[in-house]
PDB file of N, CA and C in Angstrom:
ATOM      1  N   MET A   1      -5.840   0.329  10.385  1.00  0.00           N
ATOM      2  CA  MET A   1      -5.325  -0.719  11.224  1.00  0.00           C
ATOM      3  C   MET A   1      -5.918  -2.079  10.857  1.00  0.00           C
ATOM      4  N   ASP A   2      -7.068  -2.081  10.187  1.00  0.00           N
ATOM      5  CA  ASP A   2      -7.711  -3.341   9.840  1.00  0.00           C
ATOM      6  C   ASP A   2      -6.931  -4.140   8.806  1.00  0.00           C
ATOM      7  N   ILE A   3      -6.008  -3.513   8.108  1.00  0.00           N
ATOM      8  CA  ILE A   3      -5.281  -4.241   7.068  1.00  0.00           C
ATOM      9  C   ILE A   3      -3.871  -4.629   7.503  1.00  0.00           C
ATOM     10  N   LEU A   4      -3.489  -4.289   8.719  1.00  0.00           N
ATOM     11  CA  LEU A   4      -2.169  -4.703   9.196  1.00  0.00           C
ATOM     12  C   LEU A   4      -2.161  -6.198   9.481  1.00  0.00           C
ATOM     13  N   ASN A   5      -1.110  -6.854   9.054  1.00  0.00           N
ATOM     14  CA  ASN A   5      -0.868  -8.268   9.345  1.00  0.00           C
ATOM     15  C   ASN A   5      -1.915  -9.215   8.771  1.00  0.00           C
ATOM     16  N   VAL A   6      -2.611  -8.799   7.715  1.00  0.00           N
ATOM     17  CA  VAL A   6      -3.525  -9.691   7.005  1.00  0.00           C
ATOM     18  C   VAL A   6      -3.141  -9.686   5.530  1.00  0.00           C
ATOM     19  N   SER A   7      -3.415 -10.765   4.856  1.00  0.00           N
ATOM     20  CA  SER A   7      -3.049 -10.899   3.448  1.00  0.00           C
ATOM     21  C   SER A   7      -4.039 -10.140   2.567  1.00  0.00           C
ATOM     22  N   ILE A   8      -3.489  -9.271   1.706  1.00  0.00           N
ATOM     23  CA  ILE A   8      -4.305  -8.517   0.758  1.00  0.00           C
ATOM     24  C   ILE A   8      -3.701  -8.662  -0.637  1.00  0.00           C
ATOM     25  N   THR A   9      -4.491  -8.300  -1.629  1.00  0.00           N
ATOM     26  CA  THR A   9      -4.013  -8.190  -3.005  1.00  0.00           C
ATOM     27  C   THR A   9      -4.049  -6.721  -3.387  1.00  0.00           C
ATOM     28  N   VAL A  10      -2.904  -6.181  -3.775  1.00  0.00           N
ATOM     29  CA  VAL A  10      -2.820  -4.787  -4.204  1.00  0.00           C
ATOM     30  C   VAL A  10      -3.079  -4.756  -5.703  1.00  0.00           C
ATOM     31  N   HIS A  11      -4.111  -4.009  -6.109  1.00  0.00           N
ATOM     32  CA  HIS A  11      -4.508  -3.951  -7.514  1.00  0.00           C
ATOM     33  C   HIS A  11      -3.910  -2.758  -8.252  1.00  0.00           C
ATOM     34  N   ASP A  12      -3.848  -1.629  -7.583  1.00  0.00           N
ATOM     35  CA  ASP A  12      -3.350  -0.415  -8.233  1.00  0.00           C
ATOM     36  C   ASP A  12      -3.162   0.653  -7.173  1.00  0.00           C
ATOM     37  N   PHE A  13      -2.610   1.785  -7.571  1.00  0.00           N
ATOM     38  CA  PHE A  13      -2.453   2.902  -6.649  1.00  0.00           C
ATOM     39  C   PHE A  13      -2.347   4.192  -7.437  1.00  0.00           C
ATOM     40  N   GLU A  14      -2.584   5.280  -6.729  1.00  0.00           N
ATOM     41  CA  GLU A  14      -2.384   6.615  -7.296  1.00  0.00           C
ATOM     42  C   GLU A  14      -1.567   7.407  -6.289  1.00  0.00           C
ATOM     43  N   ASP A  15      -0.489   8.013  -6.742  1.00  0.00           N
ATOM     44  CA  ASP A  15       0.416   8.740  -5.869  1.00  0.00           C
ATOM     45  C   ASP A  15       0.159  10.244  -5.966  1.00  0.00           C
ATOM     46  N   ASN A  16       0.733  10.980  -5.042  1.00  0.00           N
ATOM     47  CA  ASN A  16       0.668  12.443  -5.004  1.00  0.00           C
ATOM     48  C   ASN A  16      -0.751  12.985  -4.888  1.00  0.00           C
ATOM     49  N   ILE A  17      -1.506  12.416  -3.982  1.00  0.00           N
ATOM     50  CA  ILE A  17      -2.864  12.869  -3.714  1.00  0.00           C
ATOM     51  C   ILE A  17      -2.828  13.827  -2.527  1.00  0.00           C
ATOM     52  N   THR A  18      -3.615  14.871  -2.594  1.00  0.00           N
ATOM     53  CA  THR A  18      -3.745  15.795  -1.477  1.00  0.00           C
ATOM     54  C   THR A  18      -5.017  15.456  -0.716  1.00  0.00           C
ATOM     55  N   THR A  19      -4.878  15.265   0.581  1.00  0.00           N
ATOM     56  CA  THR A  19      -6.013  14.984   1.458  1.00  0.00           C
ATOM     57  C   THR A  19      -6.070  16.058   2.532  1.00  0.00           C
ATOM     58  N   LYS A  20      -7.007  15.927   3.456  1.00  0.00           N
ATOM     59  CA  LYS A  20      -7.085  16.893   4.552  1.00  0.00           C
ATOM     60  C   LYS A  20      -5.858  16.801   5.459  1.00  0.00           C
ATOM     61  N   LEU A  21      -5.107  15.711   5.347  1.00  0.00           N
ATOM     62  CA  LEU A  21      -3.862  15.568   6.105  1.00  0.00           C
ATOM     63  C   LEU A  21      -2.676  16.190   5.388  1.00  0.00           C
ATOM     64  N   GLY A  22      -2.899  16.632   4.154  1.00  0.00           N
ATOM     65  CA  GLY A  22      -1.844  17.295   3.409  1.00  0.00           C
ATOM     66  C   GLY A  22      -1.546  16.634   2.083  1.00  0.00           C
ATOM     67  N   PRO A  23      -0.557  17.164   1.357  1.00  0.00           N
ATOM     68  CA  PRO A  23      -0.194  16.625   0.036  1.00  0.00           C
ATOM     69  C   PRO A  23       0.730  15.417   0.157  1.00  0.00           C
ATOM     70  N   GLY A  24       0.923  14.761  -0.971  1.00  0.00           N
ATOM     71  CA  GLY A  24       1.904  13.681  -1.043  1.00  0.00           C
ATOM     72  C   GLY A  24       1.429  12.341  -0.535  1.00  0.00           C
ATOM     73  N   ARG A  25       0.128  12.151  -0.425  1.00  0.00           N
ATOM     74  CA  ARG A  25      -0.417  10.865   0.022  1.00  0.00           C
ATOM     75  C   ARG A  25      -0.543   9.924  -1.160  1.00  0.00           C
ATOM     76  N   CYS A  26      -0.770   8.671  -0.841  1.00  0.00           N
ATOM     77  CA  CYS A  26      -0.923   7.631  -1.858  1.00  0.00           C
ATOM     78  C   CYS A  26      -2.203   6.859  -1.553  1.00  0.00           C
ATOM     79  N   ALA A  27      -3.049   6.658  -2.567  1.00  0.00           N
ATOM     80  CA  ALA A  27      -4.266   5.855  -2.436  1.00  0.00           C
ATOM     81  C   ALA A  27      -3.997   4.485  -3.044  1.00  0.00           C
ATOM     82  N   VAL A  28      -4.234   3.447  -2.271  1.00  0.00           N
ATOM     83  CA  VAL A  28      -3.946   2.078  -2.701  1.00  0.00           C
ATOM     84  C   VAL A  28      -5.254   1.304  -2.804  1.00  0.00           C
ATOM     85  N   LEU A  29      -5.510   0.714  -3.968  1.00  0.00           N
ATOM     86  CA  LEU A  29      -6.698  -0.099  -4.223  1.00  0.00           C
ATOM     87  C   LEU A  29      -6.355  -1.556  -3.934  1.00  0.00           C
ATOM     88  N   PHE A  30      -7.168  -2.217  -3.089  1.00  0.00           N
ATOM     89  CA  PHE A  30      -6.845  -3.590  -2.691  1.00  0.00           C
ATOM     90  C   PHE A  30      -8.110  -4.398  -2.418  1.00  0.00           C
ATOM     91  N   THR A  31      -7.935  -5.712  -2.329  1.00  0.00           N
ATOM     92  CA  THR A  31      -8.965  -6.631  -1.848  1.00  0.00           C
ATOM     93  C   THR A  31      -8.355  -7.477  -0.753  1.00  0.00           C
ATOM     94  N   PHE A  32      -9.213  -7.949   0.134  1.00  0.00           N
ATOM     95  CA  PHE A  32      -8.770  -8.889   1.167  1.00  0.00           C
ATOM     96  C   PHE A  32      -8.661 -10.267   0.543  1.00  0.00           C
ATOM     97  N   ASP A  33      -7.578 -11.000   0.839  1.00  0.00           N
ATOM     98  CA  ASP A  33      -7.394 -12.322   0.254  1.00  0.00           C
ATOM     99  C   ASP A  33      -8.293 -13.374   0.898  1.00  0.00           C
ATOM    100  N   GLU A  34      -8.381 -13.374   2.199  1.00  0.00           N
ATOM    101  CA  GLU A  34      -9.162 -14.400   2.901  1.00  0.00           C
ATOM    102  C   GLU A  34     -10.122 -13.737   3.859  1.00  0.00           C
ATOM    103  N   SER A  35     -11.166 -13.158   3.303  1.00  0.00           N
ATOM    104  CA  SER A  35     -12.122 -12.442   4.128  1.00  0.00           C
ATOM    105  C   SER A  35     -13.500 -12.553   3.508  1.00  0.00           C
ATOM    106  N   PRO A  36     -14.514 -12.581   4.343  1.00  0.00           N
ATOM    107  CA  PRO A  36     -15.869 -12.587   3.788  1.00  0.00           C
ATOM    108  C   PRO A  36     -16.242 -11.256   3.143  1.00  0.00           C
ATOM    109  N   GLU A  37     -15.452 -10.208   3.425  1.00  0.00           N
ATOM    110  CA  GLU A  37     -15.733  -8.911   2.806  1.00  0.00           C
ATOM    111  C   GLU A  37     -15.426  -8.988   1.314  1.00  0.00           C
ATOM    112  N   GLN A  38     -16.394  -8.628   0.520  1.00  0.00           N
ATOM    113  CA  GLN A  38     -16.235  -8.667  -0.928  1.00  0.00           C
ATOM    114  C   GLN A  38     -16.040  -7.263  -1.460  1.00  0.00           C
ATOM    115  N   GLY A  39     -15.421  -7.167  -2.613  1.00  0.00           N
ATOM    116  CA  GLY A  39     -15.259  -5.884  -3.254  1.00  0.00           C
ATOM    117  C   GLY A  39     -13.876  -5.311  -3.047  1.00  0.00           C
ATOM    118  N   LYS A  40     -13.644  -4.199  -3.711  1.00  0.00           N
ATOM    119  CA  LYS A  40     -12.363  -3.522  -3.621  1.00  0.00           C
ATOM    120  C   LYS A  40     -12.459  -2.388  -2.611  1.00  0.00           C
ATOM    121  N   PHE A  41     -11.359  -2.169  -1.938  1.00  0.00           N
ATOM    122  CA  PHE A  41     -11.258  -1.136  -0.915  1.00  0.00           C
ATOM    123  C   PHE A  41     -10.047  -0.281  -1.222  1.00  0.00           C
ATOM    124  N   LYS A  42      -9.907   0.832  -0.505  1.00  0.00           N
ATOM    125  CA  LYS A  42      -8.708   1.638  -0.658  1.00  0.00           C
ATOM    126  C   LYS A  42      -8.254   2.105   0.716  1.00  0.00           C
ATOM    127  N   PHE A  43      -6.962   2.343   0.803  1.00  0.00           N
ATOM    128  CA  PHE A  43      -6.441   3.005   1.984  1.00  0.00           C
ATOM    129  C   PHE A  43      -5.502   4.101   1.522  1.00  0.00           C
ATOM    130  N   LEU A  44      -5.373   5.117   2.346  1.00  0.00           N
ATOM    131  CA  LEU A  44      -4.485   6.239   2.069  1.00  0.00           C
ATOM    132  C   LEU A  44      -3.278   6.122   2.976  1.00  0.00           C
ATOM    133  N   THR A  45      -2.104   6.418   2.424  1.00  0.00           N
ATOM    134  CA  THR A  45      -0.891   6.345   3.225  1.00  0.00           C
ATOM    135  C   THR A  45       0.054   7.484   2.874  1.00  0.00           C
ATOM    136  N   GLY A  46       0.798   7.886   3.861  1.00  0.00           N
ATOM    137  CA  GLY A  46       1.884   8.839   3.665  1.00  0.00           C
ATOM    138  C   GLY A  46       3.220   8.166   3.928  1.00  0.00           C
ATOM    139  N   SER A  47       3.197   6.846   4.155  1.00  0.00           N
ATOM    140  CA  SER A  47       4.411   6.093   4.467  1.00  0.00           C
ATOM    141  C   SER A  47       5.398   6.151   3.308  1.00  0.00           C
ATOM    142  N   LEU A  48       6.577   6.679   3.583  1.00  0.00           N
ATOM    143  CA  LEU A  48       7.602   6.768   2.541  1.00  0.00           C
ATOM    144  C   LEU A  48       8.023   5.396   2.054  1.00  0.00           C
ATOM    145  N   SER A  49       8.086   4.431   2.950  1.00  0.00           N
ATOM    146  CA  SER A  49       8.483   3.072   2.576  1.00  0.00           C
ATOM    147  C   SER A  49       7.469   2.437   1.628  1.00  0.00           C
ATOM    148  N   LEU A  50       6.190   2.532   1.973  1.00  0.00           N
ATOM    149  CA  LEU A  50       5.159   1.955   1.104  1.00  0.00           C
ATOM    150  C   LEU A  50       5.115   2.668  -0.243  1.00  0.00           C
ATOM    151  N   LYS A  51       5.181   4.005  -0.216  1.00  0.00           N
ATOM    152  CA  LYS A  51       5.133   4.766  -1.464  1.00  0.00           C
ATOM    153  C   LYS A  51       6.339   4.457  -2.349  1.00  0.00           C
ATOM    154  N   ASP A  52       7.512   4.298  -1.751  1.00  0.00           N
ATOM    155  CA  ASP A  52       8.706   3.974  -2.526  1.00  0.00           C
ATOM    156  C   ASP A  52       8.558   2.617  -3.208  1.00  0.00           C
ATOM    157  N   THR A  53       8.067   1.633  -2.466  1.00  0.00           N
ATOM    158  CA  THR A  53       7.876   0.294  -3.042  1.00  0.00           C
ATOM    159  C   THR A  53       6.874   0.337  -4.188  1.00  0.00           C
ATOM    160  N   LEU A  54       5.765   1.034  -3.999  1.00  0.00           N
ATOM    161  CA  LEU A  54       4.755   1.137  -5.050  1.00  0.00           C
ATOM    162  C   LEU A  54       5.291   1.870  -6.277  1.00  0.00           C
ATOM    163  N   ASN A  55       6.033   2.944  -6.075  1.00  0.00           N
ATOM    164  CA  ASN A  55       6.583   3.690  -7.211  1.00  0.00           C
ATOM    165  C   ASN A  55       7.638   2.883  -7.964  1.00  0.00           C
ATOM    166  N   ARG A  56       8.414   2.055  -7.259  1.00  0.00           N
ATOM    167  CA  ARG A  56       9.370   1.186  -7.955  1.00  0.00           C
ATOM    168  C   ARG A  56       8.626   0.139  -8.783  1.00  0.00           C
ATOM    169  N   ALA A  57       7.502  -0.353  -8.270  1.00  0.00           N
ATOM    170  CA  ALA A  57       6.692  -1.309  -9.032  1.00  0.00           C
ATOM    171  C   ALA A  57       6.127  -0.645 -10.287  1.00  0.00           C
ATOM    172  N   ARG A  58       5.675   0.590 -10.153  1.00  0.00           N
ATOM    173  CA  ARG A  58       5.142   1.316 -11.310  1.00  0.00           C
ATOM    174  C   ARG A  58       6.229   1.532 -12.361  1.00  0.00           C
ATOM    175  N   ALA A  59       7.437   1.859 -11.919  1.00  0.00           N
ATOM    176  CA  ALA A  59       8.551   2.044 -12.857  1.00  0.00           C
ATOM    177  C   ALA A  59       8.852   0.743 -13.586  1.00  0.00           C
ATOM    178  N   ALA A  60       8.786  -0.379 -12.895  1.00  0.00           N
ATOM    179  CA  ALA A  60       9.015  -1.681 -13.536  1.00  0.00           C
ATOM    180  C   ALA A  60       7.918  -1.970 -14.558  1.00  0.00           C
ATOM    181  N   GLU A  61       6.687  -1.582 -14.260  1.00  0.00           N
ATOM    182  CA  GLU A  61       5.606  -1.775 -15.229  1.00  0.00           C
ATOM    183  C   GLU A  61       5.836  -0.942 -16.483  1.00  0.00           C
ATOM    184  N   LYS A  62       6.347   0.260 -16.309  1.00  0.00           N
ATOM    185  CA  LYS A  62       6.621   1.119 -17.467  1.00  0.00           C
ATOM    186  C   LYS A  62       7.712   0.535 -18.352  1.00  0.00           C
ATOM    187  N   GLU A  63       8.532  -0.349 -17.776  1.00  0.00           N
ATOM    188  CA  GLU A  63       9.565  -1.041 -18.552  1.00  0.00           C
ATOM    189  C   GLU A  63       9.043  -2.337 -19.165  1.00  0.00           C
ATOM    190  N   GLY A  64       7.732  -2.589 -19.012  1.00  0.00           N
ATOM    191  CA  GLY A  64       7.122  -3.747 -19.649  1.00  0.00           C
ATOM    192  C   GLY A  64       6.891  -4.947 -18.761  1.00  0.00           C
ATOM    193  N   LYS A  65       7.216  -4.863 -17.491  1.00  0.00           N
ATOM    194  CA  LYS A  65       6.990  -5.982 -16.577  1.00  0.00           C
ATOM    195  C   LYS A  65       5.574  -5.920 -16.033  1.00  0.00           C
ATOM    196  N   GLN A  66       4.948  -7.080 -15.897  1.00  0.00           N
ATOM    197  CA  GLN A  66       3.606  -7.162 -15.319  1.00  0.00           C
ATOM    198  C   GLN A  66       3.747  -7.270 -13.806  1.00  0.00           C
ATOM    199  N   ILE A  67       3.307  -6.272 -13.070  1.00  0.00           N
ATOM    200  CA  ILE A  67       3.443  -6.250 -11.620  1.00  0.00           C
ATOM    201  C   ILE A  67       2.092  -6.396 -10.926  1.00  0.00           C
ATOM    202  N   PHE A  68       1.158  -5.532 -11.277  1.00  0.00           N
ATOM    203  CA  PHE A  68      -0.134  -5.532 -10.596  1.00  0.00           C
ATOM    204  C   PHE A  68      -1.127  -6.424 -11.299  1.00  0.00           C
ATOM    205  N   PRO A  69      -1.976  -7.142 -10.550  1.00  0.00           N
ATOM    206  CA  PRO A  69      -2.128  -7.152  -9.103  1.00  0.00           C
ATOM    207  C   PRO A  69      -1.029  -7.972  -8.419  1.00  0.00           C
ATOM    208  N   VAL A  70      -0.729  -7.602  -7.170  1.00  0.00           N
ATOM    209  CA  VAL A  70       0.246  -8.327  -6.355  1.00  0.00           C
ATOM    210  C   VAL A  70      -0.526  -9.019  -5.236  1.00  0.00           C
ATOM    211  N   GLU A  71      -0.475 -10.344  -5.230  1.00  0.00           N
ATOM    212  CA  GLU A  71      -1.226 -11.126  -4.244  1.00  0.00           C
ATOM    213  C   GLU A  71      -0.379 -11.414  -3.008  1.00  0.00           C
ATOM    214  N   ASN A  72      -1.071 -11.779  -1.948  1.00  0.00           N
ATOM    215  CA  ASN A  72      -0.436 -12.196  -0.691  1.00  0.00           C
ATOM    216  C   ASN A  72       0.507 -11.148  -0.115  1.00  0.00           C
ATOM    217  N   VAL A  73       0.087  -9.904  -0.134  1.00  0.00           N
ATOM    218  CA  VAL A  73       0.859  -8.807   0.439  1.00  0.00           C
ATOM    219  C   VAL A  73       0.397  -8.604   1.878  1.00  0.00           C
ATOM    220  N   VAL A  74       1.353  -8.442   2.773  1.00  0.00           N
ATOM    221  CA  VAL A  74       1.035  -8.163   4.168  1.00  0.00           C
ATOM    222  C   VAL A  74       1.718  -6.849   4.545  1.00  0.00           C
ATOM    223  N   ILE A  75       0.954  -5.938   5.124  1.00  0.00           N
ATOM    224  CA  ILE A  75       1.519  -4.676   5.590  1.00  0.00           C
ATOM    225  C   ILE A  75       1.818  -4.830   7.076  1.00  0.00           C
ATOM    226  N   LYS A  76       3.046  -4.521   7.416  1.00  0.00           N
ATOM    227  CA  LYS A  76       3.475  -4.634   8.811  1.00  0.00           C
ATOM    228  C   LYS A  76       3.921  -3.281   9.324  1.00  0.00           C
ATOM    229  N   ARG A  77       3.926  -3.168  10.641  1.00  0.00           N
ATOM    230  CA  ARG A  77       4.312  -1.926  11.308  1.00  0.00           C
ATOM    231  C   ARG A  77       5.552  -2.183  12.151  1.00  0.00           C
ATOM    232  N   LYS A  78       6.474  -1.222  12.127  1.00  0.00           N
ATOM    233  CA  LYS A  78       7.703  -1.330  12.901  1.00  0.00           C
ATOM    234  C   LYS A  78       7.920  -0.021  13.642  1.00  0.00           C
ATOM    235  N   ASN A  79       8.165  -0.116  14.947  1.00  0.00           N
ATOM    236  CA  ASN A  79       8.503   1.073  15.724  1.00  0.00           C
ATOM    237  C   ASN A  79       9.936   1.457  15.407  1.00  0.00           C
ATOM    238  N   ILE A  80      10.139   2.754  15.116  1.00  0.00           N
ATOM    239  CA  ILE A  80      11.491   3.200  14.763  1.00  0.00           C
ATOM    240  C   ILE A  80      12.066   4.156  15.810  1.00  0.00           C
ATOM    241  N   GLY A  81      11.392   4.263  16.937  1.00  0.00           N
ATOM    242  CA  GLY A  81      11.907   5.069  18.034  1.00  0.00           C
ATOM    243  C   GLY A  81      11.269   6.442  18.118  1.00  0.00           C
ATOM    244  N   ASN A  82      11.388   7.038  19.288  1.00  0.00           N
ATOM    245  CA  ASN A  82      10.849   8.380  19.552  1.00  0.00           C
ATOM    246  C   ASN A  82       9.352   8.467  19.249  1.00  0.00           C
ATOM    247  N   GLY A  83       8.629   7.374  19.476  1.00  0.00           N
ATOM    248  CA  GLY A  83       7.192   7.361  19.235  1.00  0.00           C
ATOM    249  C   GLY A  83       6.787   7.334  17.775  1.00  0.00           C
ATOM    250  N   LYS A  84       7.739   7.066  16.882  1.00  0.00           N
ATOM    251  CA  LYS A  84       7.458   7.037  15.438  1.00  0.00           C
ATOM    252  C   LYS A  84       7.329   5.598  14.957  1.00  0.00           C
ATOM    253  N   THR A  85       6.551   5.434  13.910  1.00  0.00           N
ATOM    254  CA  THR A  85       6.254   4.127  13.349  1.00  0.00           C
ATOM    255  C   THR A  85       6.510   4.144  11.848  1.00  0.00           C
ATOM    256  N   SER A  86       6.988   3.029  11.335  1.00  0.00           N
ATOM    257  CA  SER A  86       7.178   2.855   9.905  1.00  0.00           C
ATOM    258  C   SER A  86       6.332   1.659   9.445  1.00  0.00           C
ATOM    259  N   TYR A  87       5.827   1.734   8.237  1.00  0.00           N
ATOM    260  CA  TYR A  87       5.048   0.639   7.652  1.00  0.00           C
ATOM    261  C   TYR A  87       5.794   0.107   6.448  1.00  0.00           C
ATOM    262  N   TYR A  88       5.666  -1.218   6.228  1.00  0.00           N
ATOM    263  CA  TYR A  88       6.360  -1.824   5.106  1.00  0.00           C
ATOM    264  C   TYR A  88       5.574  -3.031   4.599  1.00  0.00           C
ATOM    265  N   PHE A  89       5.802  -3.363   3.307  1.00  0.00           N
ATOM    266  CA  PHE A  89       5.199  -4.550   2.708  1.00  0.00           C
ATOM    267  C   PHE A  89       6.064  -5.745   3.032  1.00  0.00           C
ATOM    268  N   ASP A  90       5.425  -6.838   3.418  1.00  0.00           N
ATOM    269  CA  ASP A  90       6.148  -8.064   3.702  1.00  0.00           C
ATOM    270  C   ASP A  90       5.697  -9.134   2.728  1.00  0.00           C
TER     271      ASP A  90
END
């Protein structure tokens, strides 16, 4: 929750990680853009929206486009009903 609605730089990610919450997670390496906290951090996500965006970026890199690092990324949360939440890059 500490990274919602704050600007971060996404440096890299690894997909299809198995955690205690199950398989198919994604680990995202990032830094805070405007924070006294120094260093790189990671968060784990199972969000299909975030994973899809990251995998499309990876596919573009494989075609020769320079994607990472991506600066000024904001992760937002949207309620999608029935007590469910979706996360997306803004």
